[in-house]
Amino acid sequence: MELQVPDMTCGHCSGVIERAVQNVDARAKVDIDIATRTVRIESTRPANDFVSAIREAGYSASVRA
């Protein structure tokens, strides 16, 4: 799945977001691209679980169409 996080702007942001994803699924594979503000996640958990966790961490997130 691919999520868009428009307010992710730096390495600190990506670290917070990666921890939020890992809290949902510790075995998830996470690929973060700060330049495109995209988070790619390989997991069996639903995308909405990750969107909620990222939002709880203080960032806006949505599933990229």
PDB file of N, CA and C in Angstrom:
ATOM      1  N   MET A   1       0.841  -1.177   0.000  1.00  0.00           N
ATOM      2  CA  MET A   1       0.000   0.000   0.000  1.00  0.00           C
ATOM      3  C   MET A   1       0.880   1.231   0.000  1.00  0.00           C
ATOM      4  N   GLU A   2       0.324   2.318  -0.464  1.00  0.00           N
ATOM      5  CA  GLU A   2       1.077   3.565  -0.529  1.00  0.00           C
ATOM      6  C   GLU A   2       0.251   4.663   0.124  1.00  0.00           C
ATOM      7  N   LEU A   3       0.876   5.368   1.057  1.00  0.00           N
ATOM      8  CA  LEU A   3       0.207   6.455   1.756  1.00  0.00           C
ATOM      9  C   LEU A   3       0.877   7.769   1.400  1.00  0.00           C
ATOM     10  N   GLN A   4       0.095   8.823   1.355  1.00  0.00           N
ATOM     11  CA  GLN A   4       0.601  10.169   1.128  1.00  0.00           C
ATOM     12  C   GLN A   4       0.586  10.894   2.463  1.00  0.00           C
ATOM     13  N   VAL A   5       1.730  11.489   2.822  1.00  0.00           N
ATOM     14  CA  VAL A   5       1.844  12.236   4.082  1.00  0.00           C
ATOM     15  C   VAL A   5       2.395  13.620   3.737  1.00  0.00           C
ATOM     16  N   PRO A   6       1.515  14.566   3.387  1.00  0.00           N
ATOM     17  CA  PRO A   6       1.970  15.862   2.871  1.00  0.00           C
ATOM     18  C   PRO A   6       2.774  16.707   3.852  1.00  0.00           C
ATOM     19  N   ASP A   7       2.625  16.486   5.159  1.00  0.00           N
ATOM     20  CA  ASP A   7       3.363  17.302   6.119  1.00  0.00           C
ATOM     21  C   ASP A   7       4.618  16.600   6.650  1.00  0.00           C
ATOM     22  N   MET A   8       5.077  15.559   5.981  1.00  0.00           N
ATOM     23  CA  MET A   8       6.350  14.907   6.328  1.00  0.00           C
ATOM     24  C   MET A   8       7.450  15.634   5.555  1.00  0.00           C
ATOM     25  N   THR A   9       8.344  16.311   6.284  1.00  0.00           N
ATOM     26  CA  THR A   9       9.318  17.168   5.608  1.00  0.00           C
ATOM     27  C   THR A   9      10.780  16.862   5.926  1.00  0.00           C
ATOM     28  N   CYS A  10      11.040  15.965   6.894  1.00  0.00           N
ATOM     29  CA  CYS A  10      12.432  15.773   7.300  1.00  0.00           C
ATOM     30  C   CYS A  10      12.659  14.374   7.864  1.00  0.00           C
ATOM     31  N   GLY A  11      13.892  14.099   8.207  1.00  0.00           N
ATOM     32  CA  GLY A  11      14.255  12.808   8.771  1.00  0.00           C
ATOM     33  C   GLY A  11      13.569  12.531  10.098  1.00  0.00           C
ATOM     34  N   HIS A  12      13.393  13.558  10.896  1.00  0.00           N
ATOM     35  CA  HIS A  12      12.693  13.370  12.174  1.00  0.00           C
ATOM     36  C   HIS A  12      11.258  12.908  11.908  1.00  0.00           C
ATOM     37  N   CYS A  13      10.600  13.572  10.966  1.00  0.00           N
ATOM     38  CA  CYS A  13       9.223  13.191  10.611  1.00  0.00           C
ATOM     39  C   CYS A  13       9.172  11.730  10.184  1.00  0.00           C
ATOM     40  N   SER A  14      10.087  11.345   9.314  1.00  0.00           N
ATOM     41  CA  SER A  14      10.058   9.970   8.808  1.00  0.00           C
ATOM     42  C   SER A  14      10.302   8.968   9.933  1.00  0.00           C
ATOM     43  N   GLY A  15      11.133   9.310  10.903  1.00  0.00           N
ATOM     44  CA  GLY A  15      11.380   8.427  12.033  1.00  0.00           C
ATOM     45  C   GLY A  15      10.140   8.238  12.894  1.00  0.00           C
ATOM     46  N   VAL A  16       9.418   9.326  13.132  1.00  0.00           N
ATOM     47  CA  VAL A  16       8.179   9.254  13.915  1.00  0.00           C
ATOM     48  C   VAL A  16       7.152   8.397  13.175  1.00  0.00           C
ATOM     49  N   ILE A  17       7.049   8.603  11.871  1.00  0.00           N
ATOM     50  CA  ILE A  17       6.083   7.855  11.065  1.00  0.00           C
ATOM     51  C   ILE A  17       6.462   6.380  11.001  1.00  0.00           C
ATOM     52  N   GLU A  18       7.744   6.090  10.847  1.00  0.00           N
ATOM     53  CA  GLU A  18       8.168   4.685  10.811  1.00  0.00           C
ATOM     54  C   GLU A  18       7.841   3.990  12.133  1.00  0.00           C
ATOM     55  N   ARG A  19       8.070   4.655  13.258  1.00  0.00           N
ATOM     56  CA  ARG A  19       7.725   4.067  14.557  1.00  0.00           C
ATOM     57  C   ARG A  19       6.225   3.837  14.680  1.00  0.00           C
ATOM     58  N   ALA A  20       5.425   4.775  14.178  1.00  0.00           N
ATOM     59  CA  ALA A  20       3.969   4.611  14.220  1.00  0.00           C
ATOM     60  C   ALA A  20       3.538   3.381  13.422  1.00  0.00           C
ATOM     61  N   VAL A  21       4.151   3.188  12.253  1.00  0.00           N
ATOM     62  CA  VAL A  21       3.846   2.020  11.420  1.00  0.00           C
ATOM     63  C   VAL A  21       4.265   0.741  12.137  1.00  0.00           C
ATOM     64  N   GLN A  22       5.453   0.739  12.720  1.00  0.00           N
ATOM     65  CA  GLN A  22       5.954  -0.448  13.408  1.00  0.00           C
ATOM     66  C   GLN A  22       5.113  -0.783  14.644  1.00  0.00           C
ATOM     67  N   ASN A  23       4.513   0.218  15.265  1.00  0.00           N
ATOM     68  CA  ASN A  23       3.638  -0.032  16.404  1.00  0.00           C
ATOM     69  C   ASN A  23       2.369  -0.767  15.988  1.00  0.00           C
ATOM     70  N   VAL A  24       1.927  -0.549  14.753  1.00  0.00           N
ATOM     71  CA  VAL A  24       0.753  -1.249  14.233  1.00  0.00           C
ATOM     72  C   VAL A  24       1.126  -2.671  13.836  1.00  0.00           C
ATOM     73  N   ASP A  25       2.258  -2.808  13.129  1.00  0.00           N
ATOM     74  CA  ASP A  25       2.713  -4.117  12.660  1.00  0.00           C
ATOM     75  C   ASP A  25       4.235  -4.134  12.701  1.00  0.00           C
ATOM     76  N   ALA A  26       4.770  -4.791  13.718  1.00  0.00           N
ATOM     77  CA  ALA A  26       6.227  -4.818  13.909  1.00  0.00           C
ATOM     78  C   ALA A  26       6.944  -5.507  12.749  1.00  0.00           C
ATOM     79  N   ARG A  27       6.241  -6.325  11.991  1.00  0.00           N
ATOM     80  CA  ARG A  27       6.866  -7.046  10.874  1.00  0.00           C
ATOM     81  C   ARG A  27       6.672  -6.350   9.534  1.00  0.00           C
ATOM     82  N   ALA A  28       6.022  -5.196   9.528  1.00  0.00           N
ATOM     83  CA  ALA A  28       5.766  -4.472   8.279  1.00  0.00           C
ATOM     84  C   ALA A  28       7.080  -3.987   7.672  1.00  0.00           C
ATOM     85  N   LYS A  29       7.145  -4.037   6.353  1.00  0.00           N
ATOM     86  CA  LYS A  29       8.275  -3.460   5.627  1.00  0.00           C
ATOM     87  C   LYS A  29       7.872  -2.040   5.250  1.00  0.00           C
ATOM     88  N   VAL A  30       8.703  -1.068   5.613  1.00  0.00           N
ATOM     89  CA  VAL A  30       8.375   0.346   5.418  1.00  0.00           C
ATOM     90  C   VAL A  30       9.428   0.994   4.530  1.00  0.00           C
ATOM     91  N   ASP A  31       8.978   1.713   3.511  1.00  0.00           N
ATOM     92  CA  ASP A  31       9.869   2.469   2.631  1.00  0.00           C
ATOM     93  C   ASP A  31       9.339   3.895   2.589  1.00  0.00           C
ATOM     94  N   ILE A  32      10.142   4.835   3.089  1.00  0.00           N
ATOM     95  CA  ILE A  32       9.712   6.225   3.184  1.00  0.00           C
ATOM     96  C   ILE A  32      10.518   7.075   2.210  1.00  0.00           C
ATOM     97  N   ASP A  33       9.805   7.876   1.419  1.00  0.00           N
ATOM     98  CA  ASP A  33      10.440   8.806   0.483  1.00  0.00           C
ATOM     99  C   ASP A  33      10.019  10.215   0.881  1.00  0.00           C
ATOM    100  N   ILE A  34      10.937  10.926   1.535  1.00  0.00           N
ATOM    101  CA  ILE A  34      10.625  12.272   2.029  1.00  0.00           C
ATOM    102  C   ILE A  34      10.366  13.228   0.865  1.00  0.00           C
ATOM    103  N   ALA A  35      11.121  13.090  -0.226  1.00  0.00           N
ATOM    104  CA  ALA A  35      10.985  14.009  -1.358  1.00  0.00           C
ATOM    105  C   ALA A  35       9.581  13.985  -1.956  1.00  0.00           C
ATOM    106  N   THR A  36       8.995  12.800  -2.065  1.00  0.00           N
ATOM    107  CA  THR A  36       7.644  12.691  -2.629  1.00  0.00           C
ATOM    108  C   THR A  36       6.583  12.604  -1.545  1.00  0.00           C
ATOM    109  N   ARG A  37       7.040  12.596  -0.273  1.00  0.00           N
ATOM    110  CA  ARG A  37       6.147  12.517   0.896  1.00  0.00           C
ATOM    111  C   ARG A  37       5.249  11.278   0.820  1.00  0.00           C
ATOM    112  N   THR A  38       5.890  10.170   0.471  1.00  0.00           N
ATOM    113  CA  THR A  38       5.185   8.909   0.288  1.00  0.00           C
ATOM    114  C   THR A  38       5.714   7.867   1.265  1.00  0.00           C
ATOM    115  N   VAL A  39       4.814   7.069   1.806  1.00  0.00           N
ATOM    116  CA  VAL A  39       5.173   5.958   2.678  1.00  0.00           C
ATOM    117  C   VAL A  39       4.604   4.687   2.051  1.00  0.00           C
ATOM    118  N   ARG A  40       5.494   3.755   1.684  1.00  0.00           N
ATOM    119  CA  ARG A  40       5.058   2.469   1.142  1.00  0.00           C
ATOM    120  C   ARG A  40       5.184   1.429   2.248  1.00  0.00           C
ATOM    121  N   ILE A  41       4.131   0.653   2.427  1.00  0.00           N
ATOM    122  CA  ILE A  41       4.088  -0.325   3.511  1.00  0.00           C
ATOM    123  C   ILE A  41       3.675  -1.674   2.950  1.00  0.00           C
ATOM    124  N   GLU A  42       4.446  -2.696   3.310  1.00  0.00           N
ATOM    125  CA  GLU A  42       4.065  -4.066   2.993  1.00  0.00           C
ATOM    126  C   GLU A  42       3.624  -4.721   4.293  1.00  0.00           C
ATOM    127  N   SER A  43       2.324  -5.038   4.360  1.00  0.00           N
ATOM    128  CA  SER A  43       1.752  -5.607   5.571  1.00  0.00           C
ATOM    129  C   SER A  43       0.417  -6.256   5.228  1.00  0.00           C
ATOM    130  N   THR A  44      -0.011  -7.166   6.090  1.00  0.00           N
ATOM    131  CA  THR A  44      -1.327  -7.774   5.922  1.00  0.00           C
ATOM    132  C   THR A  44      -2.403  -6.967   6.639  1.00  0.00           C
ATOM    133  N   ARG A  45      -2.001  -5.987   7.413  1.00  0.00           N
ATOM    134  CA  ARG A  45      -2.964  -5.133   8.120  1.00  0.00           C
ATOM    135  C   ARG A  45      -3.609  -4.156   7.137  1.00  0.00           C
ATOM    136  N   PRO A  46      -4.852  -3.727   7.406  1.00  0.00           N
ATOM    137  CA  PRO A  46      -5.517  -2.771   6.507  1.00  0.00           C
ATOM    138  C   PRO A  46      -4.864  -1.388   6.541  1.00  0.00           C
ATOM    139  N   ALA A  47      -4.929  -0.706   5.412  1.00  0.00           N
ATOM    140  CA  ALA A  47      -4.315   0.620   5.276  1.00  0.00           C
ATOM    141  C   ALA A  47      -4.836   1.594   6.314  1.00  0.00           C
ATOM    142  N   ASN A  48      -6.116   1.507   6.637  1.00  0.00           N
ATOM    143  CA  ASN A  48      -6.696   2.456   7.597  1.00  0.00           C
ATOM    144  C   ASN A  48      -6.057   2.366   8.971  1.00  0.00           C
ATOM    145  N   ASP A  49      -5.547   1.183   9.350  1.00  0.00           N
ATOM    146  CA  ASP A  49      -4.843   1.059  10.635  1.00  0.00           C
ATOM    147  C   ASP A  49      -3.605   1.956  10.648  1.00  0.00           C
ATOM    148  N   PHE A  50      -2.887   1.975   9.521  1.00  0.00           N
ATOM    149  CA  PHE A  50      -1.665   2.791   9.434  1.00  0.00           C
ATOM    150  C   PHE A  50      -2.003   4.272   9.315  1.00  0.00           C
ATOM    151  N   VAL A  51      -3.038   4.604   8.558  1.00  0.00           N
ATOM    152  CA  VAL A  51      -3.464   6.005   8.443  1.00  0.00           C
ATOM    153  C   VAL A  51      -3.806   6.545   9.830  1.00  0.00           C
ATOM    154  N   SER A  52      -4.553   5.778  10.608  1.00  0.00           N
ATOM    155  CA  SER A  52      -4.936   6.207  11.962  1.00  0.00           C
ATOM    156  C   SER A  52      -3.707   6.396  12.847  1.00  0.00           C
ATOM    157  N   ALA A  53      -2.767   5.456  12.781  1.00  0.00           N
ATOM    158  CA  ALA A  53      -1.568   5.546  13.624  1.00  0.00           C
ATOM    159  C   ALA A  53      -0.729   6.761  13.259  1.00  0.00           C
ATOM    160  N   ILE A  54      -0.593   7.036  11.971  1.00  0.00           N
ATOM    161  CA  ILE A  54       0.192   8.199  11.528  1.00  0.00           C
ATOM    162  C   ILE A  54      -0.504   9.492  11.957  1.00  0.00           C
ATOM    163  N   ARG A  55      -1.810   9.516  11.864  1.00  0.00           N
ATOM    164  CA  ARG A  55      -2.558  10.703  12.308  1.00  0.00           C
ATOM    165  C   ARG A  55      -2.409  10.904  13.813  1.00  0.00           C
ATOM    166  N   GLU A  56      -2.450   9.819  14.576  1.00  0.00           N
ATOM    167  CA  GLU A  56      -2.263   9.910  16.025  1.00  0.00           C
ATOM    168  C   GLU A  56      -0.863  10.425  16.368  1.00  0.00           C
ATOM    169  N   ALA A  57       0.113  10.166  15.480  1.00  0.00           N
ATOM    170  CA  ALA A  57       1.482  10.644  15.697  1.00  0.00           C
ATOM    171  C   ALA A  57       1.622  12.117  15.321  1.00  0.00           C
ATOM    172  N   GLY A  58       0.570  12.716  14.780  1.00  0.00           N
ATOM    173  CA  GLY A  58       0.593  14.158  14.505  1.00  0.00           C
ATOM    174  C   GLY A  58       0.740  14.550  13.059  1.00  0.00           C
ATOM    175  N   TYR A  59       0.588  13.607  12.152  1.00  0.00           N
ATOM    176  CA  TYR A  59       0.745  13.902  10.723  1.00  0.00           C
ATOM    177  C   TYR A  59      -0.532  13.559   9.981  1.00  0.00           C
ATOM    178  N   SER A  60      -0.776  14.291   8.908  1.00  0.00           N
ATOM    179  CA  SER A  60      -1.929  13.942   8.074  1.00  0.00           C
ATOM    180  C   SER A  60      -1.482  12.820   7.129  1.00  0.00           C
ATOM    181  N   ALA A  61      -2.368  11.885   6.875  1.00  0.00           N
ATOM    182  CA  ALA A  61      -2.046  10.763   6.001  1.00  0.00           C
ATOM    183  C   ALA A  61      -3.300  10.316   5.278  1.00  0.00           C
ATOM    184  N   SER A  62      -3.113   9.858   4.056  1.00  0.00           N
ATOM    185  CA  SER A  62      -4.227   9.313   3.291  1.00  0.00           C
ATOM    186  C   SER A  62      -3.692   8.243   2.360  1.00  0.00           C
ATOM    187  N   VAL A  63      -4.563   7.345   1.969  1.00  0.00           N
ATOM    188  CA  VAL A  63      -4.175   6.292   1.029  1.00  0.00           C
ATOM    189  C   VAL A  63      -4.019   6.943  -0.340  1.00  0.00           C
ATOM    190  N   ARG A  64      -2.895   6.658  -0.970  1.00  0.00           N
ATOM    191  CA  ARG A  64      -2.627   7.240  -2.281  1.00  0.00           C
ATOM    192  C   ARG A  64      -3.331   6.408  -3.343  1.00  0.00           C
ATOM    193  N   ALA A  65      -4.102   7.077  -4.183  1.00  0.00           N
ATOM    194  CA  ALA A  65      -4.869   6.365  -5.207  1.00  0.00           C
ATOM    195  C   ALA A  65      -3.999   5.975  -6.389  1.00  0.00           C
TER     196      ALA A  65
END
